[in-house]
Each structure stands twice: as structure tokens, then as C-alpha cells.
Amino acid sequence: MHLGDLARIALTDEEIARLQGELNVIADAINKVQEVAGDDVPPTANPVPLEAYLRPDVAEAPLTQEEAVSGAPVSESGMFVAPRILGEE
């Protein structure tokens, strides 16, 4: 399979046969779309215009250390306490 060679993908004969069938289905679908797509229809990747909805970048006061650890299940001396995961054998 030429496409597999270009992508440097090692494929078995069974995989090549299966992928050829799948690629034929994809190519048929593309052909059907091209048949109905007229010159008056601009090509689009998404039929709905996408816009980034971002909040204004406004500087805010950061949390205090007490506020930051206030929701922690366990804290000590203003720091989060978490179970030890390294160094245990």
C-alpha cells in the first residue's frame, strides 16, 4: 500500500486489505460531497462560525495564602499536606 509506505507504517496483508476497503468508503463519501457542492457554496471546515469567547484580561488581586489553603482537606503552616508518594519502598 503506497500510503503506508509514505507514512512508513508497517502493515500486514490483512491490515492492507481492511484499510483499502475503509479508504474506498471514505473516497466514495468525498466524491458524493463533491458532486453536490456547487461553485456557489464556499468550502467550510465548520458550518457554524467559531469565535473564541474569552473574558477580558483584567488583573485581579491574588488569593492570600490562607484563602488558597482554606479548602484543602489537610494543611499545615499555610501549605497543602499530601500523602507521600516517592521514597516509599
N, C-alpha and C. Protein backbone atom coordinates (compact mmCIF):
# COMPACT_ATOMS: atom_id res chain seq x y z
N MET A 1 0.85 -1.18 0.00
CA MET A 1 0.00 0.00 0.00
C MET A 1 0.90 1.23 0.00
N HIS A 2 0.77 2.05 -1.00
CA HIS A 2 1.63 3.22 -1.20
C HIS A 2 1.54 4.20 -0.04
N LEU A 3 0.31 4.44 0.44
CA LEU A 3 0.12 5.38 1.55
C LEU A 3 0.86 4.91 2.80
N GLY A 4 0.80 3.61 3.08
CA GLY A 4 1.52 3.06 4.23
C GLY A 4 3.03 3.21 4.08
N ASP A 5 3.53 3.04 2.85
CA ASP A 5 4.96 3.22 2.59
C ASP A 5 5.37 4.66 2.84
N LEU A 6 4.54 5.60 2.36
CA LEU A 6 4.86 7.02 2.55
C LEU A 6 4.88 7.39 4.03
N ALA A 7 3.96 6.81 4.78
CA ALA A 7 3.88 7.12 6.21
C ALA A 7 4.84 6.27 7.02
N ARG A 8 5.55 5.36 6.36
CA ARG A 8 6.49 4.46 7.00
C ARG A 8 5.80 3.62 8.09
N ILE A 9 4.63 3.09 7.72
CA ILE A 9 3.87 2.25 8.63
C ILE A 9 3.97 0.82 8.11
N ALA A 10 4.41 -0.07 8.96
CA ALA A 10 4.49 -1.48 8.59
C ALA A 10 3.11 -2.09 8.75
N LEU A 11 2.54 -2.58 7.65
CA LEU A 11 1.21 -3.16 7.67
C LEU A 11 1.26 -4.60 7.19
N THR A 12 0.44 -5.45 7.81
CA THR A 12 0.31 -6.82 7.34
C THR A 12 -0.61 -6.82 6.13
N ASP A 13 -0.62 -7.94 5.40
CA ASP A 13 -1.51 -8.04 4.23
C ASP A 13 -2.97 -7.92 4.64
N GLU A 14 -3.33 -8.46 5.80
CA GLU A 14 -4.72 -8.35 6.29
C GLU A 14 -5.07 -6.90 6.58
N GLU A 15 -4.14 -6.16 7.21
CA GLU A 15 -4.40 -4.75 7.52
C GLU A 15 -4.53 -3.94 6.23
N ILE A 16 -3.71 -4.24 5.25
CA ILE A 16 -3.78 -3.53 3.97
C ILE A 16 -5.13 -3.75 3.32
N ALA A 17 -5.60 -5.01 3.31
CA ALA A 17 -6.90 -5.31 2.69
C ALA A 17 -8.02 -4.58 3.42
N ARG A 18 -7.97 -4.57 4.75
CA ARG A 18 -9.03 -3.90 5.53
C ARG A 18 -8.98 -2.40 5.30
N LEU A 19 -7.79 -1.81 5.32
CA LEU A 19 -7.66 -0.37 5.14
C LEU A 19 -8.05 0.07 3.73
N GLN A 20 -7.78 -0.77 2.74
CA GLN A 20 -8.17 -0.41 1.37
C GLN A 20 -9.68 -0.27 1.29
N GLY A 21 -10.40 -1.17 1.94
CA GLY A 21 -11.86 -1.08 1.95
C GLY A 21 -12.33 0.18 2.65
N GLU A 22 -11.72 0.49 3.78
CA GLU A 22 -12.10 1.69 4.53
C GLU A 22 -11.78 2.96 3.75
N LEU A 23 -10.63 2.99 3.10
CA LEU A 23 -10.26 4.17 2.32
C LEU A 23 -11.17 4.33 1.11
N ASN A 24 -11.62 3.22 0.53
CA ASN A 24 -12.56 3.31 -0.59
C ASN A 24 -13.88 3.92 -0.14
N VAL A 25 -14.35 3.56 1.05
CA VAL A 25 -15.59 4.14 1.58
C VAL A 25 -15.42 5.64 1.79
N ILE A 26 -14.27 6.04 2.33
CA ILE A 26 -14.00 7.47 2.56
C ILE A 26 -13.94 8.21 1.23
N ALA A 27 -13.25 7.63 0.24
CA ALA A 27 -13.14 8.27 -1.07
C ALA A 27 -14.51 8.39 -1.73
N ASP A 28 -15.37 7.38 -1.59
CA ASP A 28 -16.73 7.47 -2.15
C ASP A 28 -17.51 8.59 -1.49
N ALA A 29 -17.38 8.74 -0.17
CA ALA A 29 -18.08 9.81 0.53
C ALA A 29 -17.61 11.17 0.05
N ILE A 30 -16.32 11.33 -0.14
CA ILE A 30 -15.77 12.59 -0.64
C ILE A 30 -16.30 12.88 -2.03
N ASN A 31 -16.37 11.87 -2.86
CA ASN A 31 -16.89 12.06 -4.22
C ASN A 31 -18.35 12.51 -4.20
N LYS A 32 -19.15 11.93 -3.30
CA LYS A 32 -20.56 12.32 -3.20
C LYS A 32 -20.69 13.78 -2.77
N VAL A 33 -19.86 14.21 -1.83
CA VAL A 33 -19.90 15.61 -1.39
C VAL A 33 -19.49 16.53 -2.53
N GLN A 34 -18.49 16.14 -3.28
CA GLN A 34 -18.04 16.97 -4.39
C GLN A 34 -19.10 17.08 -5.48
N GLU A 35 -19.94 16.05 -5.62
CA GLU A 35 -20.99 16.09 -6.62
C GLU A 35 -22.04 17.15 -6.29
N VAL A 36 -22.37 17.30 -5.01
CA VAL A 36 -23.43 18.23 -4.63
C VAL A 36 -22.91 19.61 -4.27
N ALA A 37 -21.62 19.73 -4.03
CA ALA A 37 -21.05 21.03 -3.69
C ALA A 37 -20.90 21.84 -4.96
N GLY A 38 -21.69 22.90 -5.05
CA GLY A 38 -21.63 23.75 -6.24
C GLY A 38 -20.61 24.86 -6.07
N ASP A 39 -20.37 25.57 -7.16
CA ASP A 39 -19.41 26.67 -7.12
C ASP A 39 -19.89 27.82 -6.25
N ASP A 40 -21.22 27.88 -6.02
CA ASP A 40 -21.76 28.97 -5.22
C ASP A 40 -21.68 28.68 -3.72
N VAL A 41 -21.18 27.50 -3.34
CA VAL A 41 -21.06 27.14 -1.92
C VAL A 41 -19.59 27.23 -1.53
N PRO A 42 -19.24 28.17 -0.64
CA PRO A 42 -17.82 28.27 -0.24
C PRO A 42 -17.42 27.07 0.63
N PRO A 43 -16.19 26.59 0.47
CA PRO A 43 -15.74 25.47 1.29
C PRO A 43 -15.63 25.90 2.76
N THR A 44 -16.07 25.04 3.65
CA THR A 44 -16.00 25.34 5.07
C THR A 44 -15.55 24.12 5.84
N ALA A 45 -14.88 24.36 6.95
CA ALA A 45 -14.50 23.27 7.84
C ALA A 45 -15.57 23.06 8.89
N ASN A 46 -16.34 24.12 9.18
CA ASN A 46 -17.39 24.05 10.17
C ASN A 46 -18.53 24.95 9.69
N PRO A 47 -19.76 24.44 9.65
CA PRO A 47 -20.85 25.26 9.14
C PRO A 47 -21.24 26.42 10.04
N VAL A 48 -20.83 26.36 11.29
CA VAL A 48 -21.15 27.42 12.24
C VAL A 48 -19.88 28.22 12.51
N PRO A 49 -19.90 29.54 12.30
CA PRO A 49 -18.69 30.32 12.57
C PRO A 49 -18.26 30.17 14.03
N LEU A 50 -17.00 29.90 14.22
CA LEU A 50 -16.48 29.73 15.58
C LEU A 50 -15.77 30.99 16.02
N GLU A 51 -16.06 31.43 17.21
CA GLU A 51 -15.39 32.58 17.78
C GLU A 51 -14.89 32.19 19.16
N ALA A 52 -13.77 32.71 19.52
CA ALA A 52 -13.24 32.47 20.85
C ALA A 52 -13.95 33.39 21.83
N TYR A 53 -14.62 32.80 22.78
CA TYR A 53 -15.31 33.59 23.80
C TYR A 53 -14.39 33.68 25.02
N LEU A 54 -13.68 34.75 25.10
CA LEU A 54 -12.72 34.93 26.18
C LEU A 54 -13.17 36.08 27.07
N ARG A 55 -12.94 35.93 28.34
CA ARG A 55 -13.25 37.02 29.25
C ARG A 55 -12.18 38.09 29.10
N PRO A 56 -12.49 39.32 29.45
CA PRO A 56 -11.48 40.37 29.38
C PRO A 56 -10.31 40.04 30.31
N ASP A 57 -9.13 40.36 29.88
CA ASP A 57 -7.93 40.10 30.68
C ASP A 57 -7.76 41.25 31.66
N VAL A 58 -8.33 41.07 32.84
CA VAL A 58 -8.29 42.11 33.86
C VAL A 58 -7.51 41.58 35.06
N ALA A 59 -6.55 42.35 35.49
CA ALA A 59 -5.75 41.94 36.65
C ALA A 59 -6.62 41.94 37.89
N GLU A 60 -6.47 40.89 38.69
CA GLU A 60 -7.21 40.78 39.94
C GLU A 60 -6.23 40.51 41.07
N ALA A 61 -6.65 40.81 42.27
CA ALA A 61 -5.80 40.54 43.43
C ALA A 61 -5.70 39.02 43.63
N PRO A 62 -4.50 38.51 43.86
CA PRO A 62 -4.36 37.07 44.06
C PRO A 62 -4.94 36.64 45.42
N LEU A 63 -5.15 35.35 45.55
CA LEU A 63 -5.62 34.81 46.83
C LEU A 63 -4.52 34.97 47.87
N THR A 64 -4.93 35.15 49.10
CA THR A 64 -3.95 35.12 50.19
C THR A 64 -3.60 33.67 50.44
N GLN A 65 -2.54 33.44 51.16
CA GLN A 65 -2.13 32.06 51.45
C GLN A 65 -3.23 31.34 52.24
N GLU A 66 -3.86 32.04 53.16
CA GLU A 66 -4.92 31.43 53.95
C GLU A 66 -6.11 31.05 53.06
N GLU A 67 -6.46 31.94 52.11
CA GLU A 67 -7.58 31.65 51.21
C GLU A 67 -7.25 30.46 50.30
N ALA A 68 -5.99 30.37 49.87
CA ALA A 68 -5.59 29.30 48.96
C ALA A 68 -5.71 27.93 49.63
N VAL A 69 -5.35 27.81 50.88
CA VAL A 69 -5.39 26.50 51.55
C VAL A 69 -6.69 26.28 52.32
N SER A 70 -7.61 27.24 52.28
CA SER A 70 -8.82 27.13 53.09
C SER A 70 -9.69 25.93 52.69
N GLY A 71 -9.67 25.51 51.44
CA GLY A 71 -10.48 24.37 51.02
C GLY A 71 -9.74 23.05 51.05
N ALA A 72 -8.50 23.06 51.46
CA ALA A 72 -7.70 21.82 51.47
C ALA A 72 -8.18 20.91 52.60
N PRO A 73 -8.23 19.61 52.33
CA PRO A 73 -8.61 18.69 53.40
C PRO A 73 -7.63 18.73 54.57
N VAL A 74 -6.34 18.89 54.25
CA VAL A 74 -5.31 18.95 55.30
C VAL A 74 -4.30 20.02 54.90
N SER A 75 -4.01 20.91 55.82
CA SER A 75 -2.95 21.90 55.58
C SER A 75 -2.17 22.06 56.88
N GLU A 76 -0.95 22.56 56.70
CA GLU A 76 -0.08 22.75 57.88
C GLU A 76 0.86 23.91 57.57
N SER A 77 0.91 24.86 58.45
CA SER A 77 1.78 26.04 58.31
C SER A 77 1.54 26.75 56.98
N GLY A 78 0.27 26.83 56.55
CA GLY A 78 -0.05 27.54 55.32
C GLY A 78 0.27 26.77 54.06
N MET A 79 0.52 25.46 54.16
CA MET A 79 0.86 24.65 52.98
C MET A 79 -0.09 23.46 52.89
N PHE A 80 -0.27 22.96 51.68
CA PHE A 80 -1.07 21.76 51.47
C PHE A 80 -0.31 20.55 52.00
N VAL A 81 -1.01 19.62 52.60
CA VAL A 81 -0.41 18.37 53.04
C VAL A 81 -0.97 17.27 52.16
N ALA A 82 -0.07 16.53 51.50
CA ALA A 82 -0.48 15.45 50.61
C ALA A 82 0.24 14.18 51.01
N PRO A 83 -0.33 13.03 50.67
CA PRO A 83 0.34 11.78 51.02
C PRO A 83 1.68 11.67 50.29
N ARG A 84 2.64 11.08 50.93
CA ARG A 84 3.95 10.86 50.34
C ARG A 84 3.83 9.78 49.27
N ILE A 85 4.37 10.02 48.09
CA ILE A 85 4.29 9.04 47.04
C ILE A 85 5.68 8.60 46.55
N LEU A 86 6.70 9.33 46.88
CA LEU A 86 8.06 8.97 46.47
C LEU A 86 8.87 8.57 47.69
N GLY A 87 9.81 7.70 47.47
CA GLY A 87 10.71 7.32 48.55
C GLY A 87 10.17 6.22 49.44
N GLU A 88 8.97 5.73 49.16
CA GLU A 88 8.43 4.63 49.97
C GLU A 88 8.72 3.33 49.23
N GLU A 89 9.23 2.39 49.92
CA GLU A 89 9.54 1.09 49.31
C GLU A 89 8.63 0.03 49.87
